[in-house]
Amino acid sequence: MTQEQEKPTAVDEARPQTHTPPPYKVILHNDDVNYMEYVVETIAKLTPLSTEEAVIKALEAHNAGLAVLLVCHKERAELYQEQFQSASLTVTIEPD
């Protein structure tokens, strides 16, 4: 007995290929204008980061000039960028 190879069906061929969007980094820039407390509160409010994580990221940006807040898909990163801009904080995005 021989086994037949399975041929793709029309249903298999019609299924769309799932594509994972490339990840983007959301980068917080040092801010000499706003108080640290405001920066921390804003990070915690706009992202899924806890207050403790927000403190660490704010201090990293303050000391190093930049801090990667999180990595997500491009559309979400653009949304974060707009939200931080509305809060008078500088955030850039770039491919990971």
PDB file of N, CA and C in Angstrom:
ATOM      1  N   MET A   1       0.838  -1.187   0.000  1.00  0.00           N
ATOM      2  CA  MET A   1       0.000   0.000   0.000  1.00  0.00           C
ATOM      3  C   MET A   1       0.878   1.245   0.000  1.00  0.00           C
ATOM      4  N   THR A   2       0.447   2.240  -0.733  1.00  0.00           N
ATOM      5  CA  THR A   2       1.186   3.502  -0.750  1.00  0.00           C
ATOM      6  C   THR A   2       0.317   4.594  -0.155  1.00  0.00           C
ATOM      7  N   GLN A   3       1.012   5.534   0.457  1.00  0.00           N
ATOM      8  CA  GLN A   3       0.278   6.665   1.036  1.00  0.00           C
ATOM      9  C   GLN A   3       0.215   7.782   0.013  1.00  0.00           C
ATOM     10  N   GLU A   4      -0.932   8.390  -0.082  1.00  0.00           N
ATOM     11  CA  GLU A   4      -1.082   9.526  -0.979  1.00  0.00           C
ATOM     12  C   GLU A   4      -0.656  10.792  -0.250  1.00  0.00           C
ATOM     13  N   GLN A   5      -0.009  11.657  -0.986  1.00  0.00           N
ATOM     14  CA  GLN A   5       0.349  12.944  -0.390  1.00  0.00           C
ATOM     15  C   GLN A   5      -0.893  13.810  -0.346  1.00  0.00           C
ATOM     16  N   GLU A   6      -1.019  14.539   0.763  1.00  0.00           N
ATOM     17  CA  GLU A   6      -2.182  15.419   0.887  1.00  0.00           C
ATOM     18  C   GLU A   6      -1.981  16.636   0.006  1.00  0.00           C
ATOM     19  N   LYS A   7      -3.004  16.929  -0.767  1.00  0.00           N
ATOM     20  CA  LYS A   7      -2.961  18.106  -1.622  1.00  0.00           C
ATOM     21  C   LYS A   7      -3.713  19.228  -0.930  1.00  0.00           C
ATOM     22  N   PRO A   8      -3.237  20.463  -1.093  1.00  0.00           N
ATOM     23  CA  PRO A   8      -3.959  21.576  -0.476  1.00  0.00           C
ATOM     24  C   PRO A   8      -5.343  21.718  -1.086  1.00  0.00           C
ATOM     25  N   THR A   9      -6.293  22.014  -0.269  1.00  0.00           N
ATOM     26  CA  THR A   9      -7.662  22.216  -0.738  1.00  0.00           C
ATOM     27  C   THR A   9      -7.862  23.684  -1.062  1.00  0.00           C
ATOM     28  N   ALA A  10      -8.979  23.989  -1.695  1.00  0.00           N
ATOM     29  CA  ALA A  10      -9.296  25.378  -2.015  1.00  0.00           C
ATOM     30  C   ALA A  10      -9.411  26.210  -0.745  1.00  0.00           C
ATOM     31  N   VAL A  11      -9.902  25.595   0.323  1.00  0.00           N
ATOM     32  CA  VAL A  11     -10.035  26.313   1.597  1.00  0.00           C
ATOM     33  C   VAL A  11      -8.658  26.669   2.134  1.00  0.00           C
ATOM     34  N   ASP A  12      -7.704  25.720   2.067  1.00  0.00           N
ATOM     35  CA  ASP A  12      -6.349  25.991   2.536  1.00  0.00           C
ATOM     36  C   ASP A  12      -5.713  27.124   1.747  1.00  0.00           C
ATOM     37  N   GLU A  13      -5.917  27.114   0.431  1.00  0.00           N
ATOM     38  CA  GLU A  13      -5.305  28.136  -0.413  1.00  0.00           C
ATOM     39  C   GLU A  13      -5.955  29.495  -0.216  1.00  0.00           C
ATOM     40  N   ALA A  14      -7.225  29.533   0.166  1.00  0.00           N
ATOM     41  CA  ALA A  14      -7.936  30.792   0.341  1.00  0.00           C
ATOM     42  C   ALA A  14      -7.613  31.460   1.677  1.00  0.00           C
ATOM     43  N   ARG A  15      -7.050  30.713   2.621  1.00  0.00           N
ATOM     44  CA  ARG A  15      -6.734  31.301   3.924  1.00  0.00           C
ATOM     45  C   ARG A  15      -5.660  32.366   3.772  1.00  0.00           C
ATOM     46  N   PRO A  16      -5.885  33.523   4.344  1.00  0.00           N
ATOM     47  CA  PRO A  16      -4.863  34.568   4.252  1.00  0.00           C
ATOM     48  C   PRO A  16      -3.649  34.194   5.111  1.00  0.00           C
ATOM     49  N   GLN A  17      -2.506  34.553   4.612  1.00  0.00           N
ATOM     50  CA  GLN A  17      -1.288  34.336   5.381  1.00  0.00           C
ATOM     51  C   GLN A  17      -1.281  35.333   6.536  1.00  0.00           C
ATOM     52  N   THR A  18      -1.015  34.845   7.729  1.00  0.00           N
ATOM     53  CA  THR A  18      -0.939  35.764   8.858  1.00  0.00           C
ATOM     54  C   THR A  18       0.447  36.375   8.872  1.00  0.00           C
ATOM     55  N   HIS A  19       0.474  37.663   9.060  1.00  0.00           N
ATOM     56  CA  HIS A  19       1.737  38.398   9.054  1.00  0.00           C
ATOM     57  C   HIS A  19       1.851  39.164  10.361  1.00  0.00           C
ATOM     58  N   THR A  20       2.892  38.899  11.084  1.00  0.00           N
ATOM     59  CA  THR A  20       3.124  39.621  12.326  1.00  0.00           C
ATOM     60  C   THR A  20       3.817  40.930  11.983  1.00  0.00           C
ATOM     61  N   PRO A  21       3.236  42.051  12.395  1.00  0.00           N
ATOM     62  CA  PRO A  21       3.875  43.328  12.079  1.00  0.00           C
ATOM     63  C   PRO A  21       5.226  43.439  12.782  1.00  0.00           C
ATOM     64  N   PRO A  22       6.177  44.122  12.153  1.00  0.00           N
ATOM     65  CA  PRO A  22       7.494  44.250  12.773  1.00  0.00           C
ATOM     66  C   PRO A  22       7.410  45.081  14.054  1.00  0.00           C
ATOM     67  N   PRO A  23       8.204  44.741  15.044  1.00  0.00           N
ATOM     68  CA  PRO A  23       8.161  45.478  16.311  1.00  0.00           C
ATOM     69  C   PRO A  23       8.840  46.846  16.201  1.00  0.00           C
ATOM     70  N   TYR A  24       8.313  47.795  16.961  1.00  0.00           N
ATOM     71  CA  TYR A  24       8.878  49.143  17.037  1.00  0.00           C
ATOM     72  C   TYR A  24       9.162  49.485  18.489  1.00  0.00           C
ATOM     73  N   LYS A  25      10.271  50.203  18.705  1.00  0.00           N
ATOM     74  CA  LYS A  25      10.618  50.675  20.044  1.00  0.00           C
ATOM     75  C   LYS A  25       9.975  52.039  20.267  1.00  0.00           C
ATOM     76  N   VAL A  26       9.448  52.242  21.456  1.00  0.00           N
ATOM     77  CA  VAL A  26       8.921  53.535  21.876  1.00  0.00           C
ATOM     78  C   VAL A  26       9.968  54.107  22.828  1.00  0.00           C
ATOM     79  N   ILE A  27      10.604  55.210  22.413  1.00  0.00           N
ATOM     80  CA  ILE A  27      11.764  55.740  23.123  1.00  0.00           C
ATOM     81  C   ILE A  27      11.444  57.086  23.758  1.00  0.00           C
ATOM     82  N   LEU A  28      11.600  57.154  25.070  1.00  0.00           N
ATOM     83  CA  LEU A  28      11.402  58.397  25.817  1.00  0.00           C
ATOM     84  C   LEU A  28      12.705  59.178  25.838  1.00  0.00           C
ATOM     85  N   HIS A  29      12.614  60.480  25.547  1.00  0.00           N
ATOM     86  CA  HIS A  29      13.785  61.360  25.581  1.00  0.00           C
ATOM     87  C   HIS A  29      13.812  62.122  26.902  1.00  0.00           C
ATOM     88  N   ASN A  30      15.022  62.474  27.325  1.00  0.00           N
ATOM     89  CA  ASN A  30      15.177  63.255  28.547  1.00  0.00           C
ATOM     90  C   ASN A  30      14.374  64.546  28.432  1.00  0.00           C
ATOM     91  N   ASP A  31      13.817  64.969  29.535  1.00  0.00           N
ATOM     92  CA  ASP A  31      12.968  66.160  29.577  1.00  0.00           C
ATOM     93  C   ASP A  31      13.449  67.068  30.704  1.00  0.00           C
ATOM     94  N   ASP A  32      13.980  68.228  30.340  1.00  0.00           N
ATOM     95  CA  ASP A  32      14.457  69.180  31.348  1.00  0.00           C
ATOM     96  C   ASP A  32      13.378  70.174  31.760  1.00  0.00           C
ATOM     97  N   VAL A  33      12.195  70.071  31.179  1.00  0.00           N
ATOM     98  CA  VAL A  33      11.130  71.033  31.437  1.00  0.00           C
ATOM     99  C   VAL A  33      10.146  70.530  32.489  1.00  0.00           C
ATOM    100  N   ASN A  34       9.689  69.298  32.338  1.00  0.00           N
ATOM    101  CA  ASN A  34       8.670  68.756  33.237  1.00  0.00           C
ATOM    102  C   ASN A  34       9.290  68.120  34.473  1.00  0.00           C
ATOM    103  N   TYR A  35       8.532  68.154  35.561  1.00  0.00           N
ATOM    104  CA  TYR A  35       8.975  67.508  36.794  1.00  0.00           C
ATOM    105  C   TYR A  35       8.980  65.997  36.616  1.00  0.00           C
ATOM    106  N   MET A  36       9.911  65.348  37.308  1.00  0.00           N
ATOM    107  CA  MET A  36      10.036  63.887  37.246  1.00  0.00           C
ATOM    108  C   MET A  36       8.716  63.213  37.614  1.00  0.00           C
ATOM    109  N   GLU A  37       8.036  63.739  38.618  1.00  0.00           N
ATOM    110  CA  GLU A  37       6.763  63.156  39.056  1.00  0.00           C
ATOM    111  C   GLU A  37       5.745  63.137  37.911  1.00  0.00           C
ATOM    112  N   TYR A  38       5.685  64.227  37.144  1.00  0.00           N
ATOM    113  CA  TYR A  38       4.768  64.305  36.014  1.00  0.00           C
ATOM    114  C   TYR A  38       5.132  63.281  34.945  1.00  0.00           C
ATOM    115  N   VAL A  39       6.421  63.157  34.659  1.00  0.00           N
ATOM    116  CA  VAL A  39       6.877  62.197  33.650  1.00  0.00           C
ATOM    117  C   VAL A  39       6.497  60.777  34.069  1.00  0.00           C
ATOM    118  N   VAL A  40       6.750  60.433  35.338  1.00  0.00           N
ATOM    119  CA  VAL A  40       6.427  59.099  35.857  1.00  0.00           C
ATOM    120  C   VAL A  40       4.924  58.846  35.779  1.00  0.00           C
ATOM    121  N   GLU A  41       4.130  59.810  36.220  1.00  0.00           N
ATOM    122  CA  GLU A  41       2.670  59.652  36.180  1.00  0.00           C
ATOM    123  C   GLU A  41       2.171  59.457  34.749  1.00  0.00           C
ATOM    124  N   THR A  42       2.750  60.198  33.820  1.00  0.00           N
ATOM    125  CA  THR A  42       2.328  60.105  32.425  1.00  0.00           C
ATOM    126  C   THR A  42       2.687  58.747  31.829  1.00  0.00           C
ATOM    127  N   ILE A  43       3.891  58.268  32.110  1.00  0.00           N
ATOM    128  CA  ILE A  43       4.292  56.942  31.622  1.00  0.00           C
ATOM    129  C   ILE A  43       3.338  55.884  32.169  1.00  0.00           C
ATOM    130  N   ALA A  44       3.069  55.941  33.471  1.00  0.00           N
ATOM    131  CA  ALA A  44       2.195  54.945  34.107  1.00  0.00           C
ATOM    132  C   ALA A  44       0.762  55.034  33.573  1.00  0.00           C
ATOM    133  N   LYS A  45       0.324  56.241  33.242  1.00  0.00           N
ATOM    134  CA  LYS A  45      -1.042  56.436  32.750  1.00  0.00           C
ATOM    135  C   LYS A  45      -1.207  55.966  31.299  1.00  0.00           C
ATOM    136  N   LEU A  46      -0.206  56.220  30.467  1.00  0.00           N
ATOM    137  CA  LEU A  46      -0.339  55.948  29.038  1.00  0.00           C
ATOM    138  C   LEU A  46       0.131  54.564  28.597  1.00  0.00           C
ATOM    139  N   THR A  47       0.911  53.893  29.426  1.00  0.00           N
ATOM    140  CA  THR A  47       1.460  52.586  29.047  1.00  0.00           C
ATOM    141  C   THR A  47       1.044  51.525  30.062  1.00  0.00           C
ATOM    142  N   PRO A  48       1.285  50.270  29.747  1.00  0.00           N
ATOM    143  CA  PRO A  48       0.987  49.210  30.722  1.00  0.00           C
ATOM    144  C   PRO A  48       2.047  49.075  31.818  1.00  0.00           C
ATOM    145  N   LEU A  49       3.020  49.972  31.860  1.00  0.00           N
ATOM    146  CA  LEU A  49       4.071  49.904  32.874  1.00  0.00           C
ATOM    147  C   LEU A  49       3.527  50.309  34.241  1.00  0.00           C
ATOM    148  N   SER A  50       4.027  49.657  35.275  1.00  0.00           N
ATOM    149  CA  SER A  50       3.650  50.012  36.648  1.00  0.00           C
ATOM    150  C   SER A  50       4.342  51.316  37.036  1.00  0.00           C
ATOM    151  N   THR A  51       3.939  51.890  38.144  1.00  0.00           N
ATOM    152  CA  THR A  51       4.572  53.115  38.628  1.00  0.00           C
ATOM    153  C   THR A  51       6.052  52.875  38.891  1.00  0.00           C
ATOM    154  N   GLU A  52       6.383  51.733  39.472  1.00  0.00           N
ATOM    155  CA  GLU A  52       7.781  51.411  39.756  1.00  0.00           C
ATOM    156  C   GLU A  52       8.594  51.319  38.461  1.00  0.00           C
ATOM    157  N   GLU A  53       8.028  50.674  37.449  1.00  0.00           N
ATOM    158  CA  GLU A  53       8.707  50.570  36.155  1.00  0.00           C
ATOM    159  C   GLU A  53       8.820  51.947  35.499  1.00  0.00           C
ATOM    160  N   ALA A  54       7.803  52.770  35.659  1.00  0.00           N
ATOM    161  CA  ALA A  54       7.821  54.120  35.101  1.00  0.00           C
ATOM    162  C   ALA A  54       8.926  54.956  35.738  1.00  0.00           C
ATOM    163  N   VAL A  55       9.134  54.799  37.048  1.00  0.00           N
ATOM    164  CA  VAL A  55      10.214  55.520  37.741  1.00  0.00           C
ATOM    165  C   VAL A  55      11.560  55.112  37.151  1.00  0.00           C
ATOM    166  N   ILE A  56      11.755  53.817  36.962  1.00  0.00           N
ATOM    167  CA  ILE A  56      13.020  53.313  36.412  1.00  0.00           C
ATOM    168  C   ILE A  56      13.259  53.876  35.012  1.00  0.00           C
ATOM    169  N   LYS A  57      12.229  53.872  34.173  1.00  0.00           N
ATOM    170  CA  LYS A  57      12.364  54.374  32.799  1.00  0.00           C
ATOM    171  C   LYS A  57      12.611  55.884  32.784  1.00  0.00           C
ATOM    172  N   ALA A  58      11.923  56.631  33.649  1.00  0.00           N
ATOM    173  CA  ALA A  58      12.114  58.082  33.710  1.00  0.00           C
ATOM    174  C   ALA A  58      13.536  58.413  34.160  1.00  0.00           C
ATOM    175  N   LEU A  59      14.039  57.696  35.148  1.00  0.00           N
ATOM    176  CA  LEU A  59      15.414  57.915  35.618  1.00  0.00           C
ATOM    177  C   LEU A  59      16.431  57.541  34.543  1.00  0.00           C
ATOM    178  N   GLU A  60      16.163  56.466  33.829  1.00  0.00           N
ATOM    179  CA  GLU A  60      17.058  56.060  32.741  1.00  0.00           C
ATOM    180  C   GLU A  60      17.127  57.143  31.666  1.00  0.00           C
ATOM    181  N   ALA A  61      15.973  57.692  31.286  1.00  0.00           N
ATOM    182  CA  ALA A  61      15.948  58.767  30.290  1.00  0.00           C
ATOM    183  C   ALA A  61      16.668  60.002  30.822  1.00  0.00           C
ATOM    184  N   HIS A  62      16.475  60.311  32.092  1.00  0.00           N
ATOM    185  CA  HIS A  62      17.113  61.475  32.704  1.00  0.00           C
ATOM    186  C   HIS A  62      18.635  61.320  32.715  1.00  0.00           C
ATOM    187  N   ASN A  63      19.107  60.138  33.086  1.00  0.00           N
ATOM    188  CA  ASN A  63      20.548  59.917  33.225  1.00  0.00           C
ATOM    189  C   ASN A  63      21.256  59.618  31.905  1.00  0.00           C
ATOM    190  N   ALA A  64      20.615  58.871  31.030  1.00  0.00           N
ATOM    191  CA  ALA A  64      21.261  58.447  29.780  1.00  0.00           C
ATOM    192  C   ALA A  64      20.812  59.260  28.566  1.00  0.00           C
ATOM    193  N   GLY A  65      19.746  60.032  28.724  1.00  0.00           N
ATOM    194  CA  GLY A  65      19.230  60.814  27.608  1.00  0.00           C
ATOM    195  C   GLY A  65      18.064  60.152  26.887  1.00  0.00           C
ATOM    196  N   LEU A  66      18.002  58.817  26.940  1.00  0.00           N
ATOM    197  CA  LEU A  66      16.944  58.048  26.280  1.00  0.00           C
ATOM    198  C   LEU A  66      16.608  56.823  27.111  1.00  0.00           C
ATOM    199  N   ALA A  67      15.377  56.341  26.956  1.00  0.00           N
ATOM    200  CA  ALA A  67      14.979  55.074  27.573  1.00  0.00           C
ATOM    201  C   ALA A  67      13.930  54.413  26.686  1.00  0.00           C
ATOM    202  N   VAL A  68      14.114  53.140  26.400  1.00  0.00           N
ATOM    203  CA  VAL A  68      13.110  52.386  25.647  1.00  0.00           C
ATOM    204  C   VAL A  68      11.994  52.036  26.619  1.00  0.00           C
ATOM    205  N   LEU A  69      10.821  52.616  26.389  1.00  0.00           N
ATOM    206  CA  LEU A  69       9.681  52.356  27.267  1.00  0.00           C
ATOM    207  C   LEU A  69       9.107  50.974  27.027  1.00  0.00           C
ATOM    208  N   LEU A  70       8.905  50.637  25.748  1.00  0.00           N
ATOM    209  CA  LEU A  70       8.342  49.337  25.400  1.00  0.00           C
ATOM    210  C   LEU A  70       8.526  49.089  23.920  1.00  0.00           C
ATOM    211  N   VAL A  71       8.228  47.876  23.512  1.00  0.00           N
ATOM    212  CA  VAL A  71       8.304  47.476  22.108  1.00  0.00           C
ATOM    213  C   VAL A  71       6.934  46.921  21.725  1.00  0.00           C
ATOM    214  N   CYS A  72       6.400  47.409  20.601  1.00  0.00           N
ATOM    215  CA  CYS A  72       5.072  46.991  20.153  1.00  0.00           C
ATOM    216  C   CYS A  72       4.993  47.157  18.638  1.00  0.00           C
ATOM    217  N   HIS A  73       3.828  46.874  18.051  1.00  0.00           N
ATOM    218  CA  HIS A  73       3.697  47.048  16.608  1.00  0.00           C
ATOM    219  C   HIS A  73       3.619  48.538  16.265  1.00  0.00           C
ATOM    220  N   LYS A  74       3.877  48.862  15.012  1.00  0.00           N
ATOM    221  CA  LYS A  74       4.042  50.249  14.570  1.00  0.00           C
ATOM    222  C   LYS A  74       2.837  51.134  14.882  1.00  0.00           C
ATOM    223  N   GLU A  75       1.632  50.641  14.619  1.00  0.00           N
ATOM    224  CA  GLU A  75       0.449  51.470  14.835  1.00  0.00           C
ATOM    225  C   GLU A  75       0.301  51.843  16.309  1.00  0.00           C
ATOM    226  N   ARG A  76       0.553  50.890  17.194  1.00  0.00           N
ATOM    227  CA  ARG A  76       0.474  51.157  18.634  1.00  0.00           C
ATOM    228  C   ARG A  76       1.577  52.143  19.032  1.00  0.00           C
ATOM    229  N   ALA A  77       2.780  51.961  18.475  1.00  0.00           N
ATOM    230  CA  ALA A  77       3.899  52.863  18.778  1.00  0.00           C
ATOM    231  C   ALA A  77       3.566  54.292  18.346  1.00  0.00           C
ATOM    232  N   GLU A  78       2.944  54.435  17.177  1.00  0.00           N
ATOM    233  CA  GLU A  78       2.549  55.766  16.706  1.00  0.00           C
ATOM    234  C   GLU A  78       1.506  56.387  17.628  1.00  0.00           C
ATOM    235  N   LEU A  79       0.595  55.574  18.130  1.00  0.00           N
ATOM    236  CA  LEU A  79      -0.405  56.066  19.076  1.00  0.00           C
ATOM    237  C   LEU A  79       0.267  56.553  20.358  1.00  0.00           C
ATOM    238  N   TYR A  80       1.190  55.756  20.901  1.00  0.00           N
ATOM    239  CA  TYR A  80       1.922  56.190  22.095  1.00  0.00           C
ATOM    240  C   TYR A  80       2.645  57.511  21.833  1.00  0.00           C
ATOM    241  N   GLN A  81       3.276  57.618  20.665  1.00  0.00           N
ATOM    242  CA  GLN A  81       4.007  58.838  20.331  1.00  0.00           C
ATOM    243  C   GLN A  81       3.077  60.054  20.347  1.00  0.00           C
ATOM    244  N   GLU A  82       1.912  59.927  19.754  1.00  0.00           N
ATOM    245  CA  GLU A  82       0.942  61.026  19.739  1.00  0.00           C
ATOM    246  C   GLU A  82       0.469  61.371  21.148  1.00  0.00           C
ATOM    247  N   GLN A  83       0.205  60.345  21.960  1.00  0.00           N
ATOM    248  CA  GLN A  83      -0.274  60.582  23.318  1.00  0.00           C
ATOM    249  C   GLN A  83       0.781  61.290  24.163  1.00  0.00           C
ATOM    250  N   PHE A  84       2.032  60.874  24.033  1.00  0.00           N
ATOM    251  CA  PHE A  84       3.096  61.532  24.793  1.00  0.00           C
ATOM    252  C   PHE A  84       3.314  62.960  24.299  1.00  0.00           C
ATOM    253  N   GLN A  85       3.212  63.182  22.993  1.00  0.00           N
ATOM    254  CA  GLN A  85       3.329  64.538  22.457  1.00  0.00           C
ATOM    255  C   GLN A  85       2.228  65.429  23.020  1.00  0.00           C
ATOM    256  N   SER A  86       1.021  64.899  23.119  1.00  0.00           N
ATOM    257  CA  SER A  86      -0.095  65.661  23.688  1.00  0.00           C
ATOM    258  C   SER A  86       0.151  66.001  25.149  1.00  0.00           C
ATOM    259  N   ALA A  87       0.969  65.185  25.816  1.00  0.00           N
ATOM    260  CA  ALA A  87       1.304  65.420  27.220  1.00  0.00           C
ATOM    261  C   ALA A  87       2.602  66.224  27.353  1.00  0.00           C
ATOM    262  N   SER A  88       3.081  66.797  26.254  1.00  0.00           N
ATOM    263  CA  SER A  88       4.298  67.624  26.221  1.00  0.00           C
ATOM    264  C   SER A  88       5.571  66.856  26.570  1.00  0.00           C
ATOM    265  N   LEU A  89       5.608  65.573  26.214  1.00  0.00           N
ATOM    266  CA  LEU A  89       6.809  64.763  26.409  1.00  0.00           C
ATOM    267  C   LEU A  89       7.291  64.273  25.045  1.00  0.00           C
ATOM    268  N   THR A  90       8.605  64.155  24.897  1.00  0.00           N
ATOM    269  CA  THR A  90       9.179  63.745  23.623  1.00  0.00           C
ATOM    270  C   THR A  90       9.409  62.243  23.592  1.00  0.00           C
ATOM    271  N   VAL A  91       8.758  61.605  22.634  1.00  0.00           N
ATOM    272  CA  VAL A  91       8.904  60.171  22.407  1.00  0.00           C
ATOM    273  C   VAL A  91       9.105  59.977  20.912  1.00  0.00           C
ATOM    274  N   THR A  92      10.073  59.149  20.569  1.00  0.00           N
ATOM    275  CA  THR A  92      10.264  58.778  19.169  1.00  0.00           C
ATOM    276  C   THR A  92      10.048  57.276  19.052  1.00  0.00           C
ATOM    277  N   ILE A  93       9.840  56.840  17.807  1.00  0.00           N
ATOM    278  CA  ILE A  93       9.694  55.403  17.563  1.00  0.00           C
ATOM    279  C   ILE A  93      10.694  55.007  16.487  1.00  0.00           C
ATOM    280  N   GLU A  94      11.154  53.759  16.568  1.00  0.00           N
ATOM    281  CA  GLU A  94      12.048  53.231  15.536  1.00  0.00           C
ATOM    282  C   GLU A  94      11.917  51.717  15.502  1.00  0.00           C
ATOM    283  N   PRO A  95      12.196  51.128  14.335  1.00  0.00           N
ATOM    284  CA  PRO A  95      12.116  49.666  14.246  1.00  0.00           C
ATOM    285  C   PRO A  95      13.063  49.013  15.247  1.00  0.00           C
ATOM    286  N   ASP A  96      12.628  47.898  15.797  1.00  0.00           N
ATOM    287  CA  ASP A  96      13.446  47.176  16.775  1.00  0.00           C
ATOM    288  C   ASP A  96      14.468  46.317  16.064  1.00  0.00           C
TER     289      ASP A  96
END
